[in-house]
Protein backbone atom coordinates (compact mmCIF):
# COMPACT_ATOMS: atom_id res chain seq x y z
CA UNK A 1 41.88 25.36 49.46
CA UNK A 2 44.21 23.22 51.28
CA UNK A 3 42.87 19.89 52.60
CA UNK A 4 42.95 19.39 56.28
CA UNK A 5 44.43 16.10 57.67
CA UNK A 6 42.47 14.85 60.60
CA UNK A 7 44.17 12.32 62.93
CA UNK A 8 42.53 10.60 65.85
CA UNK A 9 44.26 8.65 68.45
CA UNK A 10 42.79 6.26 70.90
CA UNK A 11 43.07 7.47 74.41
CA UNK A 12 45.00 5.36 76.95
CA UNK A 13 43.04 4.71 80.04
CA UNK A 14 44.43 3.84 83.38
CA UNK A 15 43.69 0.43 84.72
CA UNK A 16 40.97 0.14 87.41
CA UNK A 17 41.82 -1.86 90.51
CA UNK A 18 39.26 -4.12 92.15
CA UNK A 19 39.69 -6.77 94.94
CA UNK A 20 40.88 -10.00 93.61
CA UNK A 21 41.01 -8.83 89.95
CA UNK A 22 42.46 -6.30 87.53
CA UNK A 23 40.25 -5.12 84.70
CA UNK A 24 41.40 -2.94 81.83
CA UNK A 25 38.66 -1.05 79.83
CA UNK A 26 39.91 -1.07 76.44
CA UNK A 27 36.76 0.48 74.74
CA UNK A 28 37.46 3.50 72.34
CA UNK A 29 35.41 6.54 71.85
CA UNK A 30 33.90 6.69 68.17
CA UNK A 31 35.75 9.74 66.66
CA UNK A 32 34.03 9.70 63.24
CA UNK A 33 30.69 11.33 62.70
CA UNK A 34 28.76 14.19 61.09
CA UNK A 35 31.49 16.65 62.02
CA UNK A 36 34.16 14.76 60.38
CA UNK A 37 32.40 14.40 57.03
CA UNK A 38 31.95 17.95 55.69
CA UNK A 39 30.66 18.97 52.30
CA UNK A 40 30.79 22.12 50.16
CA UNK A 41 29.51 23.42 46.90
CA UNK A 42 31.52 24.38 43.64
CA UNK A 43 29.79 27.69 43.71
CA UNK A 44 31.21 28.70 47.12
CA UNK A 45 34.60 27.54 45.94
CA UNK A 46 34.23 29.70 42.71
CA UNK A 47 33.55 32.75 44.82
CA UNK A 48 36.61 32.05 46.89
CA UNK A 49 34.36 31.44 49.96
CA UNK A 50 35.40 28.75 52.48
CA UNK A 51 31.96 27.39 53.40
CA UNK A 52 31.90 23.82 54.82
CA UNK A 53 28.57 22.22 56.02
CA UNK A 54 28.39 19.21 58.31
CA UNK A 55 26.04 16.33 57.63
CA UNK A 56 22.45 17.37 58.41
CA UNK A 57 21.15 15.38 61.34
CA UNK A 58 18.35 17.79 62.22
CA UNK A 59 14.69 16.29 62.22
CA UNK A 60 12.74 19.69 61.69
CA UNK A 61 10.78 19.12 58.49
CA UNK A 62 12.40 15.62 57.94
CA UNK A 63 8.76 14.39 57.07
CA UNK A 64 8.67 16.71 54.00
CA UNK A 65 9.76 14.06 51.56
CA UNK A 66 7.77 14.77 48.39
CA UNK A 67 8.87 17.36 45.99
CA UNK A 68 5.69 19.38 46.46
CA UNK A 69 6.29 19.62 50.10
CA UNK A 70 10.00 20.37 49.80
CA UNK A 71 9.04 23.23 47.56
CA UNK A 72 6.32 24.57 49.87
CA UNK A 73 3.55 23.85 47.37
CA UNK A 74 4.67 26.62 45.08
CA UNK A 75 4.31 24.12 42.32
CA UNK A 76 1.48 22.13 40.71
CA UNK A 77 1.83 18.48 39.72
CA UNK A 78 -0.54 15.71 38.50
CA UNK A 79 -1.59 14.51 41.87
CA UNK A 80 1.10 11.95 42.36
CA UNK A 81 4.81 12.09 43.25
CA UNK A 82 7.32 12.58 40.45
CA UNK A 83 4.64 13.45 37.88
CA UNK A 84 5.09 16.55 35.67
CA UNK A 85 5.43 19.73 37.75
CA UNK A 86 5.23 23.43 37.00
CA UNK A 87 5.71 26.56 39.23
CA UNK A 88 2.56 28.28 39.97
CA UNK A 89 4.29 31.68 39.97
CA UNK A 90 6.54 33.00 37.34
CA UNK A 91 10.23 31.95 37.70
CA UNK A 92 12.98 33.75 35.85
CA UNK A 93 14.92 31.33 33.63
CA UNK A 94 18.46 30.35 34.46
CA UNK A 95 19.52 30.65 30.66
CA UNK A 96 19.14 33.58 28.34
CA UNK A 97 20.06 31.61 25.34
CA UNK A 98 18.28 28.62 23.63
CA UNK A 99 16.45 26.05 25.57
CA UNK A 100 14.48 22.83 24.69
CA UNK A 101 11.17 23.98 26.29
CA UNK A 102 10.51 20.69 27.94
CA UNK A 103 10.65 21.67 31.55
CA UNK A 104 7.90 19.40 33.20
CA UNK A 105 10.68 17.28 34.97
CA UNK A 106 13.09 20.12 35.66
CA UNK A 107 12.39 20.08 39.46
CA UNK A 108 13.69 16.52 39.90
CA UNK A 109 16.87 17.15 37.79
CA UNK A 110 17.65 20.49 39.65
CA UNK A 111 17.13 18.88 43.06
CA UNK A 112 20.30 16.99 42.83
CA UNK A 113 22.83 19.65 43.43
CA UNK A 114 26.25 18.06 43.60
CA UNK A 115 27.82 18.19 47.02
CA UNK A 116 31.64 17.72 47.26
CA UNK A 117 32.90 16.20 50.43
CA UNK A 118 36.09 16.21 52.66
CA UNK A 119 35.63 13.10 54.69
CA UNK A 120 38.05 11.70 57.34
CA UNK A 121 36.53 8.35 56.91
CA UNK A 122 34.18 6.77 54.35
CA UNK A 123 30.78 8.29 54.52
CA UNK A 124 27.55 6.76 53.37
CA UNK A 125 23.81 7.48 53.83
CA UNK A 126 20.62 5.78 52.84
CA UNK A 127 17.28 7.34 52.84
CA UNK A 128 14.11 5.27 52.17
CA UNK A 129 10.47 6.80 52.02
CA UNK A 130 7.75 4.17 51.94
CA UNK A 131 4.51 6.11 51.06
CA UNK A 132 1.17 4.36 51.21
CA UNK A 133 -0.30 2.81 48.00
CA UNK A 134 3.11 1.93 46.62
CA UNK A 135 4.80 5.32 46.48
CA UNK A 136 8.31 4.94 47.37
CA UNK A 137 11.74 6.60 46.95
CA UNK A 138 15.18 5.65 47.78
CA UNK A 139 18.43 7.59 47.92
CA UNK A 140 21.95 6.41 48.52
CA UNK A 141 25.03 8.78 48.98
CA UNK A 142 28.57 7.59 49.28
CA UNK A 143 31.87 9.56 49.46
CA UNK A 144 35.37 9.16 50.59
CA UNK A 145 38.78 10.67 50.42
CA UNK A 146 41.38 8.58 48.49
CA UNK A 147 44.02 11.04 49.77
CA UNK A 148 43.58 14.20 51.75
CA UNK A 149 43.55 16.13 48.48
CA UNK A 150 41.36 13.72 46.34
CA UNK A 151 37.71 12.85 46.99
CA UNK A 152 35.24 10.71 45.04
CA UNK A 153 31.76 9.65 45.47
CA UNK A 154 28.32 9.00 43.92
CA UNK A 155 24.54 9.56 44.47
CA UNK A 156 21.85 7.14 43.42
CA UNK A 157 18.03 7.80 43.47
CA UNK A 158 15.12 5.63 42.67
CA UNK A 159 11.48 6.97 42.39
CA UNK A 160 8.90 3.99 42.12
CA UNK A 161 5.49 5.45 42.22
CA UNK A 162 2.41 3.42 41.75
CA UNK A 163 -0.69 4.77 40.08
CA UNK A 164 -3.29 6.27 42.50
CA UNK A 165 -6.09 6.03 39.85
CA UNK A 166 -7.32 2.56 39.09
CA UNK A 167 -4.09 0.80 40.40
CA UNK A 168 -4.21 -2.75 39.09
CA UNK A 169 -1.93 -4.23 41.78
CA UNK A 170 1.36 -3.49 43.56
CA UNK A 171 3.97 -2.46 41.10
CA UNK A 172 1.43 -0.96 38.72
CA UNK A 173 3.64 2.12 38.06
CA UNK A 174 2.62 5.70 37.44
CA UNK A 175 6.26 6.88 37.54
CA UNK A 176 9.62 5.00 37.24
CA UNK A 177 12.64 7.17 37.45
CA UNK A 178 16.22 6.65 38.17
CA UNK A 179 19.08 9.04 38.73
CA UNK A 180 22.67 8.59 39.56
CA UNK A 181 25.81 10.88 39.39
CA UNK A 182 29.64 10.25 39.82
CA UNK A 183 31.96 12.97 41.12
CA UNK A 184 35.40 13.79 42.11
CA UNK A 185 37.48 16.69 43.10
CA UNK A 186 41.26 17.03 43.36
CA UNK A 187 43.88 19.59 44.12
CA UNK A 188 47.72 19.65 43.85
CA UNK A 189 49.63 19.48 47.06
CA UNK A 190 50.54 23.29 46.70
CA UNK A 191 46.91 24.11 46.06
CA UNK A 192 47.75 25.87 42.81
CA UNK A 193 45.43 23.67 40.72
CA UNK A 194 41.97 22.56 41.58
CA UNK A 195 39.56 20.33 39.64
CA UNK A 196 35.84 19.44 40.13
CA UNK A 197 34.24 16.93 37.74
CA UNK A 198 30.91 15.16 37.62
CA UNK A 199 28.59 13.15 35.46
CA UNK A 200 24.89 13.09 36.03
CA UNK A 201 22.15 10.86 34.25
CA UNK A 202 18.45 10.86 34.82
CA UNK A 203 15.70 8.64 33.19
CA UNK A 204 12.13 9.58 33.93
CA UNK A 205 9.26 7.38 32.61
CA UNK A 206 5.68 8.35 33.33
CA UNK A 207 2.51 6.67 32.44
CA UNK A 208 0.09 9.55 31.40
CA UNK A 209 -3.54 8.90 32.39
CA UNK A 210 -4.80 12.16 30.96
CA UNK A 211 -6.93 13.18 34.02
CA UNK A 212 -10.25 11.63 35.15
CA UNK A 213 -12.64 10.58 32.38
CA UNK A 214 -16.00 12.34 32.84
CA UNK A 215 -19.17 10.32 32.08
CA UNK A 216 -22.79 11.28 32.11
CA UNK A 217 -24.07 13.16 35.20
CA UNK A 218 -20.44 13.66 36.32
CA UNK A 219 -19.98 15.78 39.59
CA UNK A 220 -17.06 17.19 41.37
CA UNK A 221 -17.31 14.54 44.05
CA UNK A 222 -16.82 11.86 41.30
CA UNK A 223 -13.12 12.97 40.87
CA UNK A 224 -12.41 11.34 44.20
CA UNK A 225 -14.33 8.17 43.78
CA UNK A 226 -12.48 4.86 44.04
CA UNK A 227 -14.36 3.98 40.78
CA UNK A 228 -12.97 7.09 38.91
CA UNK A 229 -11.58 6.06 35.52
CA UNK A 230 -8.57 7.45 33.59
CA UNK A 231 -8.76 9.04 30.25
CA UNK A 232 -5.68 7.39 28.73
CA UNK A 233 -4.42 3.92 29.12
CA UNK A 234 -1.26 3.49 27.06
CA UNK A 235 0.34 6.84 26.88
CA UNK A 236 3.89 7.25 28.16
CA UNK A 237 6.23 10.27 28.47
CA UNK A 238 9.89 9.70 28.78
CA UNK A 239 12.56 12.17 29.68
CA UNK A 240 16.32 11.36 29.55
CA UNK A 241 18.91 13.83 30.61
CA UNK A 242 22.76 13.57 30.83
CA UNK A 243 25.36 16.14 31.63
CA UNK A 244 29.30 16.08 31.86
CA UNK A 245 30.64 18.92 33.95
CA UNK A 246 34.21 19.92 34.41
CA UNK A 247 35.51 22.97 36.42
CA UNK A 248 39.29 23.52 36.86
CA UNK A 249 41.32 26.56 37.84
CA UNK A 250 44.93 27.55 38.22
CA UNK A 251 45.66 30.01 41.19
CA UNK A 252 48.35 32.59 40.39
CA UNK A 253 47.52 34.19 43.80
CA UNK A 254 44.55 35.42 45.84
CA UNK A 255 44.12 38.32 43.51
CA UNK A 256 44.11 36.14 40.15
CA UNK A 257 42.92 32.61 39.28
CA UNK A 258 42.37 31.47 35.68
CA UNK A 259 39.55 28.97 35.21
CA UNK A 260 37.85 26.93 32.59
CA UNK A 261 34.24 25.55 32.75
CA UNK A 262 32.99 22.77 30.33
CA UNK A 263 29.43 21.34 30.18
CA UNK A 264 27.92 18.85 27.80
CA UNK A 265 24.12 18.59 28.34
CA UNK A 266 21.74 16.35 26.37
CA UNK A 267 17.91 15.97 26.87
CA UNK A 268 15.71 13.77 24.87
CA UNK A 269 11.89 13.74 25.32
CA UNK A 270 9.58 10.96 23.80
CA UNK A 271 5.75 10.53 23.80
CA UNK A 272 4.23 7.25 22.76
CA UNK A 273 0.62 6.02 22.67
CA UNK A 274 -1.71 3.59 20.96
CA UNK A 275 -4.44 5.68 19.60
CA UNK A 276 -6.89 2.94 19.15
CA UNK A 277 -7.07 2.38 22.87
CA UNK A 278 -7.87 6.05 23.65
CA UNK A 279 -11.22 7.95 23.82
CA UNK A 280 -12.04 9.66 20.45
CA UNK A 281 -11.36 13.35 20.47
CA UNK A 282 -8.95 13.50 23.49
CA UNK A 283 -6.11 14.70 21.30
CA UNK A 284 -8.27 16.95 18.93
CA UNK A 285 -7.38 16.70 15.39
CA UNK A 286 -5.08 13.84 14.07
CA UNK A 287 -2.80 16.29 12.21
CA UNK A 288 -0.10 13.92 11.11
CA UNK A 289 -1.34 10.42 12.07
CA UNK A 290 -0.75 7.74 9.60
CA UNK A 291 -1.37 4.60 11.64
CA UNK A 292 -2.76 3.67 15.15
CA UNK A 293 0.46 4.63 17.18
CA UNK A 294 1.94 7.82 18.28
CA UNK A 295 5.68 8.23 18.53
CA UNK A 296 6.83 11.98 18.90
CA UNK A 297 10.48 12.65 19.71
CA UNK A 298 12.47 15.77 20.57
CA UNK A 299 16.25 16.01 21.24
CA UNK A 300 18.24 18.96 22.51
CA UNK A 301 21.95 19.19 22.94
CA UNK A 302 24.21 22.06 24.39
CA UNK A 303 28.03 22.15 24.59
CA UNK A 304 29.33 25.09 26.62
CA UNK A 305 32.95 26.30 27.36
CA UNK A 306 33.58 29.27 29.60
CA UNK A 307 37.04 30.71 30.00
CA UNK A 308 37.63 33.54 32.49
CA UNK A 309 39.53 35.01 35.40
CA UNK A 310 38.61 35.91 39.03
CA UNK A 311 40.08 36.89 42.34
CA UNK A 312 39.92 38.87 45.41
CA UNK A 313 40.98 42.49 45.93
CA UNK A 314 40.57 43.21 49.53
CA UNK A 315 36.80 42.69 50.21
CA UNK A 316 35.97 42.64 46.58
CA UNK A 317 35.50 39.46 44.49
CA UNK A 318 35.60 40.01 40.78
CA UNK A 319 35.07 37.81 37.82
CA UNK A 320 35.17 38.28 33.95
CA UNK A 321 34.54 35.62 31.35
CA UNK A 322 33.77 34.68 27.70
CA UNK A 323 31.69 31.62 26.83
CA UNK A 324 30.85 29.93 23.72
CA UNK A 325 27.80 27.58 23.57
CA UNK A 326 26.79 25.45 20.53
CA UNK A 327 23.26 24.07 20.59
CA UNK A 328 21.19 21.78 18.45
CA UNK A 329 17.54 20.68 18.45
CA UNK A 330 15.82 17.89 16.49
CA UNK A 331 12.21 17.08 16.55
CA UNK A 332 10.15 14.51 14.74
CA UNK A 333 6.59 13.12 14.51
CA UNK A 334 6.74 9.59 13.92
CA UNK A 335 9.38 8.70 11.51
CA UNK A 336 8.49 10.97 8.47
CA UNK A 337 8.59 14.62 9.52
CA UNK A 338 11.58 16.20 11.12
CA UNK A 339 12.89 19.49 12.29
CA UNK A 340 16.52 20.29 12.83
CA UNK A 341 18.16 23.44 14.07
CA UNK A 342 21.74 24.37 15.20
CA UNK A 343 23.12 27.60 16.62
CA UNK A 344 26.32 29.08 17.95
CA UNK A 345 25.98 31.29 21.04
CA UNK A 346 28.62 33.55 22.40
CA UNK A 347 28.41 35.39 25.85
CA UNK A 348 30.60 37.95 27.65
CA UNK A 349 29.93 38.71 31.26
CA UNK A 350 31.20 39.22 34.76
CA UNK A 351 30.35 38.74 38.37
CA UNK A 352 31.23 40.65 41.58
CA UNK A 353 30.56 40.35 45.37
CA UNK A 354 31.52 43.00 47.87
CA UNK A 355 31.76 42.40 51.51
CA UNK A 356 30.39 45.43 53.55
CA UNK A 357 31.04 45.31 57.27
CA UNK A 358 28.18 47.76 58.13
CA UNK A 359 25.64 46.41 55.65
CA UNK A 360 26.30 42.77 54.63
CA UNK A 361 27.07 41.64 51.07
CA UNK A 362 26.46 43.19 47.79
CA UNK A 363 26.57 41.07 44.59
CA UNK A 364 26.10 41.48 40.92
CA UNK A 365 26.06 39.59 37.60
CA UNK A 366 26.03 41.03 34.06
CA UNK A 367 25.91 38.89 30.91
CA UNK A 368 25.26 39.86 27.29
CA UNK A 369 24.72 37.44 24.35
CA UNK A 370 25.72 38.37 20.75
CA UNK A 371 21.98 38.47 19.71
CA UNK A 372 21.16 41.23 22.19
CA UNK A 373 19.83 39.00 24.95
CA UNK A 374 21.20 40.08 28.43
CA UNK A 375 20.82 39.53 32.18
CA UNK A 376 21.50 42.18 34.97
CA UNK A 377 21.21 40.79 38.41
CA UNK A 378 22.00 42.40 41.76
CA UNK A 379 21.56 41.20 45.36
CA UNK A 380 21.91 42.87 48.87
CA UNK A 381 21.97 40.72 51.81
CA UNK A 382 22.18 41.78 55.53
CA UNK A 383 20.92 40.58 58.87
CA UNK A 384 18.13 43.28 58.66
CA UNK A 385 17.11 43.19 55.14
CA UNK A 386 17.58 41.58 51.70
CA UNK A 387 16.75 42.73 48.19
CA UNK A 388 17.38 41.47 44.68
CA UNK A 389 16.83 42.68 41.20
CA UNK A 390 16.82 40.64 37.92
CA UNK A 391 16.35 42.06 34.57
CA UNK A 392 16.74 40.13 31.48
CA UNK A 393 15.90 39.35 27.88
CA UNK A 394 15.92 35.62 26.88
CA UNK A 395 15.07 33.58 23.88
CA UNK A 396 11.86 31.67 23.52
CA UNK A 397 12.45 27.82 23.53
CA UNK A 398 12.84 25.67 20.49
CA UNK A 399 9.59 23.85 21.30
CA UNK A 400 7.56 27.21 21.17
CA UNK A 401 9.32 28.12 17.93
CA UNK A 402 8.87 25.02 15.82
CA UNK A 403 7.20 21.63 16.65
CA UNK A 404 5.92 18.62 14.56
CA UNK A 405 4.07 15.75 16.14
CA UNK A 406 1.14 13.42 15.51
CA UNK A 407 -1.31 15.96 16.96
CA UNK A 408 0.66 19.31 16.95
CA UNK A 409 2.37 21.38 14.18
CA UNK A 410 3.39 24.86 14.37
CA UNK A 411 6.12 27.18 13.32
CA UNK A 412 6.54 30.70 14.94
CA UNK A 413 8.83 33.64 14.95
CA UNK A 414 8.45 34.77 18.45
CA UNK A 415 10.59 37.63 19.79
CA UNK A 416 12.77 37.40 22.96
CA UNK A 417 11.00 37.96 26.28
CA UNK A 418 11.80 40.93 28.46
CA UNK A 419 11.45 40.42 32.33
CA UNK A 420 12.11 42.54 35.36
CA UNK A 421 11.66 41.24 38.83
CA UNK A 422 12.35 43.06 42.10
CA UNK A 423 12.18 41.28 45.46
CA UNK A 424 12.82 42.55 48.95
CA UNK A 425 12.29 41.71 52.67
CA UNK A 426 12.85 43.45 55.94
CA UNK A 427 13.74 41.10 58.87
CA UNK A 428 13.16 41.57 62.60
CA UNK A 429 14.56 38.78 64.76
CA UNK A 430 14.40 38.14 68.53
CA UNK A 431 14.99 34.95 70.47
CA UNK A 432 11.33 33.95 70.27
CA UNK A 433 9.89 36.06 67.45
CA UNK A 434 10.73 36.72 63.78
CA UNK A 435 8.77 38.72 61.29
CA UNK A 436 9.78 39.34 57.65
CA UNK A 437 7.31 41.39 55.45
CA UNK A 438 8.23 41.43 51.74
CA UNK A 439 7.19 42.23 48.22
CA UNK A 440 7.86 40.76 44.83
CA UNK A 441 7.20 42.90 41.78
CA UNK A 442 7.41 41.41 38.21
CA UNK A 443 6.99 42.80 34.80
CA UNK A 444 6.80 40.73 31.54
CA UNK A 445 6.73 41.74 27.83
CA UNK A 446 6.57 39.39 24.81
CA UNK A 447 5.73 36.55 27.21
CA UNK A 448 5.47 33.02 25.51
CA UNK A 449 3.06 30.63 26.85
CA UNK A 450 0.77 27.79 26.01
CA UNK A 451 -2.93 28.11 26.03
CA UNK A 452 -6.09 26.36 24.92
CA UNK A 453 -6.99 27.41 21.25
CA UNK A 454 -9.85 29.87 21.33
CA UNK A 455 -13.14 28.15 20.37
CA UNK A 456 -11.39 24.92 19.96
CA UNK A 457 -13.64 22.16 18.69
CA UNK A 458 -11.87 18.79 19.22
CA UNK A 459 -11.47 16.45 16.07
CA UNK A 460 -11.24 19.54 13.89
CA UNK A 461 -8.40 21.58 15.35
CA UNK A 462 -5.27 21.49 17.61
CA UNK A 463 -6.28 21.91 21.19
CA UNK A 464 -3.26 23.47 22.58
CA UNK A 465 -0.64 25.76 21.01
CA UNK A 466 2.13 28.39 22.01
CA UNK A 467 1.22 31.98 21.82
CA UNK A 468 3.20 35.35 22.48
CA UNK A 469 1.30 38.02 24.33
CA UNK A 470 0.32 41.33 22.50
CA UNK A 471 1.24 43.45 25.56
CA UNK A 472 2.66 43.06 28.88
CA UNK A 473 1.99 41.61 32.42
CA UNK A 474 2.46 43.33 35.80
CA UNK A 475 2.36 41.19 38.87
CA UNK A 476 2.69 42.34 42.57
CA UNK A 477 2.94 39.95 45.49
CA UNK A 478 3.24 41.27 49.03
CA UNK A 479 3.87 38.75 51.71
CA UNK A 480 4.83 38.27 55.32
CA UNK A 481 6.71 35.43 56.96
CA UNK A 482 6.23 34.89 60.81
CA UNK A 483 8.04 32.57 63.20
CA UNK A 484 7.05 32.32 66.89
CA UNK A 485 8.35 30.15 69.81
CA UNK A 486 6.07 29.65 72.74
CA UNK A 487 6.96 27.84 76.00
CA UNK A 488 10.42 27.04 74.56
CA UNK A 489 9.18 24.00 72.72
CA UNK A 490 6.12 25.03 70.69
CA UNK A 491 6.80 26.51 67.32
CA UNK A 492 4.55 28.41 64.84
CA UNK A 493 5.68 29.31 61.40
CA UNK A 494 3.66 30.83 58.60
CA UNK A 495 3.86 32.42 55.23
CA UNK A 496 1.08 34.55 53.90
CA UNK A 497 0.99 35.81 50.32
CA UNK A 498 -1.38 37.99 48.42
CA UNK A 499 -1.16 38.46 44.58
CA UNK A 500 -2.61 40.84 42.18
CA UNK A 501 -2.14 40.67 38.38
CA UNK A 502 -2.34 44.50 37.65
CA UNK A 503 -1.98 44.05 33.96
CA UNK A 504 -2.58 40.91 32.16
CA UNK A 505 -2.48 40.97 28.30
CA UNK A 506 -4.49 38.07 26.64
CA UNK A 507 -5.10 36.73 30.34
CA UNK A 508 -1.83 34.82 29.99
CA UNK A 509 -1.17 34.61 33.75
CA UNK A 510 -3.56 33.00 36.08
CA UNK A 511 -2.62 32.95 39.87
CA UNK A 512 -4.37 32.32 43.28
CA UNK A 513 -5.01 35.57 45.07
CA UNK A 514 -4.25 34.08 48.48
CA UNK A 515 -1.49 31.56 49.25
CA UNK A 516 -0.81 30.30 52.80
CA UNK A 517 1.62 27.79 54.23
CA UNK A 518 1.85 27.36 57.95
CA UNK A 519 3.06 24.78 60.58
CA UNK A 520 2.27 24.31 64.32
CA UNK A 521 4.70 21.87 66.08
CA UNK A 522 6.32 20.73 69.25
CA UNK A 523 10.07 20.08 69.40
CA UNK A 524 12.18 18.68 72.26
CA UNK A 525 15.22 16.52 73.18
CA UNK A 526 15.11 13.72 75.71
CA UNK A 527 17.30 11.10 77.27
CA UNK A 528 20.40 13.28 77.37
CA UNK A 529 20.32 14.15 73.75
CA UNK A 530 19.66 10.50 72.51
CA UNK A 531 16.06 11.21 71.26
CA UNK A 532 15.24 14.31 69.31
CA UNK A 533 11.50 14.66 68.35
CA UNK A 534 9.47 16.96 66.13
CA UNK A 535 5.71 16.51 65.69
CA UNK A 536 2.66 18.72 64.74
CA UNK A 537 0.48 19.93 61.84
CA UNK A 538 1.22 21.25 58.26
CA UNK A 539 -1.34 23.57 56.72
CA UNK A 540 -1.52 24.83 53.17
CA UNK A 541 -4.28 26.69 51.42
CA UNK A 542 -4.51 28.66 48.12
CA UNK A 543 -7.83 30.37 46.84
CA UNK A 544 -9.71 29.31 43.83
CA UNK A 545 -8.52 30.17 40.44
CA UNK A 546 -8.13 29.00 36.82
CA UNK A 547 -5.10 26.74 37.40
CA UNK A 548 -3.11 25.74 34.33
CA UNK A 549 -4.27 22.47 32.67
CA UNK A 550 -1.80 19.76 31.32
CA UNK A 551 -1.36 18.88 27.73
CA UNK A 552 -0.04 15.36 27.55
CA UNK A 553 1.70 15.05 24.01
CA UNK A 554 4.00 17.92 24.60
CA UNK A 555 4.32 17.77 28.47
CA UNK A 556 3.17 21.37 28.78
CA UNK A 557 1.00 23.12 31.24
CA UNK A 558 -1.24 25.54 29.63
CA UNK A 559 -3.58 28.53 30.46
CA UNK A 560 -7.33 27.90 30.39
CA UNK A 561 -10.46 29.68 31.59
CA UNK A 562 -12.98 26.96 31.67
CA UNK A 563 -12.22 25.03 34.90
CA UNK A 564 -11.83 26.65 38.35
CA UNK A 565 -9.69 24.72 40.78
CA UNK A 566 -11.50 25.32 44.00
CA UNK A 567 -9.82 26.31 47.33
CA UNK A 568 -9.19 23.49 49.92
CA UNK A 569 -7.44 23.39 53.15
CA UNK A 570 -4.62 20.82 53.06
CA UNK A 571 -3.75 19.51 56.48
CA UNK A 572 -1.11 16.90 57.17
CA UNK A 573 -0.13 15.35 60.62
CA UNK A 574 3.39 14.32 61.24
CA UNK A 575 5.88 13.08 63.91
CA UNK A 576 9.68 12.71 63.33
CA UNK A 577 12.35 11.53 65.66
CA UNK A 578 16.22 11.02 65.62
CA UNK A 579 17.61 8.18 67.61
CA UNK A 580 21.49 8.19 67.50
CA UNK A 581 22.46 8.23 63.80
CA UNK A 582 19.04 7.36 62.51
CA UNK A 583 15.93 9.50 61.56
CA UNK A 584 12.42 8.31 61.18
CA UNK A 585 9.02 9.93 60.33
CA UNK A 586 5.31 9.14 60.18
CA UNK A 587 3.00 11.24 58.18
CA UNK A 588 -0.62 11.32 57.44
CA UNK A 589 -1.67 13.16 54.31
CA UNK A 590 -4.82 15.21 53.64
CA UNK A 591 -6.77 14.79 56.88
CA UNK A 592 -9.72 16.87 55.69
CA UNK A 593 -10.68 14.51 52.81
CA UNK A 594 -10.73 11.48 55.19
CA UNK A 595 -13.89 13.15 56.61
CA UNK A 596 -15.38 15.04 53.67
CA UNK A 597 -14.62 12.45 50.89
CA UNK A 598 -13.73 15.29 48.68
CA UNK A 599 -10.19 16.62 48.15
CA UNK A 600 -8.35 19.20 46.18
CA UNK A 601 -7.50 19.42 42.54
CA UNK A 602 -3.73 19.37 41.89
CA UNK A 603 -4.33 20.21 38.19
CA UNK A 604 -7.65 20.51 36.33
CA UNK A 605 -9.03 16.91 35.85
CA UNK A 606 -6.20 15.62 38.10
CA UNK A 607 -7.20 15.00 41.79
CA UNK A 608 -4.63 15.57 44.37
CA UNK A 609 -3.02 13.32 47.08
CA UNK A 610 -5.69 11.22 48.82
CA UNK A 611 -5.63 10.48 52.58
CA UNK A 612 -2.79 8.13 53.18
CA UNK A 613 -0.03 7.14 55.84
CA UNK A 614 3.57 7.56 54.86
CA UNK A 615 6.74 6.33 56.68
CA UNK A 616 10.48 6.94 56.11
CA UNK A 617 13.84 6.77 57.68
CA UNK A 618 17.51 7.41 56.99
CA UNK A 619 20.85 6.11 58.42
CA UNK A 620 24.40 7.54 58.12
CA UNK A 621 27.58 5.59 58.32
CA UNK A 622 30.97 6.95 58.96
CA UNK A 623 33.27 4.05 58.55
């Protein structure tokens, strides 16, 4: 892709004559802005698609700054920003080979998708969210072109989140997390060679409070009392991730390019605690404990090289590749017991995309691993409908296969999991009304999950362990999405989902039957485009169900059937505005609890976000 050189020249203006004087207006028009700083993704380049996006200056949903809100509440967390998260509904894995199994902080890592820029002037952006009760996040972005064919940049993110249960003072952190990346892209003057490179690092430290401590005569309302006490006081979970990524290709012609992808990924997870300070029996049996401190550690490494060819034949994009992936896993409980495994994985696969004038776009991906694992994916997209198929067999994680810790010891020989998921929508669109009914159908076999040990008696057995189902699961979720514009400026958007688990071996899957997201808002632009505003109400509801609980030592959400998370209408009020190159928002969270004094349960024993006011802004600079 050839870089485009943008040149701007100041416009000469004719002098203006006045009686007794001669004045020359030497002001110049600002030529740099959102349209001169474009970005794109490596994936689009890989598929030989020229897809540039301009800097987002829209204010619609700018107020949705937390990860729960940005993911439309399809996740559960521990009631505070940047705490451990898990998808409520089953999500197909991205990898069919070995994984670490520590996924509680995947959302924060995956959210930072590298954008590569083509800037005509240095571009920088700062977004600051100042949530009430010491909940704040900051993100800084910078990018610039060194030459028309060479761009560099970086992103930095800080999550500084105070405790919401028994916060001692300002700065008493529940979560302290930092992320940064460095990236560059370069192409030769003749565009025959192209390179993308980035380095990412994330450090996530969370103070684990173990949920609300339940005393005598404890009631549901006590979860939301200002006097509620934490179960744990010294426990800390740490998640450290780093990845080095290189993609480069040589272009023989439009029909043939040769490429190589290199990834070196590392993930380390640590759990520490001082046992003497914690309530007796919280962790169950002290399996391997030899002193009054806990220090469990797991490290996962993966080195992957992919070599392949790709190109365009008329309207068909094709790709074939071979990949070699070397993985290692080390786990220890304290300093005296250790597991260590290594493996070499090889893959062969291919991708395709076909542009169909009358329908839209047809895509596919087939990949096979040497041990028999595989993936088959297909997509069909058009203006009127879309559909996808995913069928795969993937390996259980290292964590579920083998683990040693101060409170957990297991060795398993689980089989690979088989999954099929079909998803489809039909779209109807008019200038003021949109309707999209859809359906997701999922089947699972040999599903691996964590659950509370049957008839567990704390102090005598392990509380939570991994299991593999004896039979399969069948899940069906019909849904409908609606968008309506009234009187030009009033917008109503909603998503309604109903879920049935038609087959559920070992009760391994627990889901809410009803799930609703909606928004009623007013949008308008004032003062000749200088003020853009968006204000209204966000509404979320999910019916009561046995939500997964959270097991602190291994950072795992697990199935239980002893605590029902009750349904609760979550209502937020918001107002956002854009003034020139700046955007601001105000948001009041959880209006209902302000009146009822009872809120919702994010995860069993972990109360959700309390009523609180948030404020945030961002500003972009183009010089």
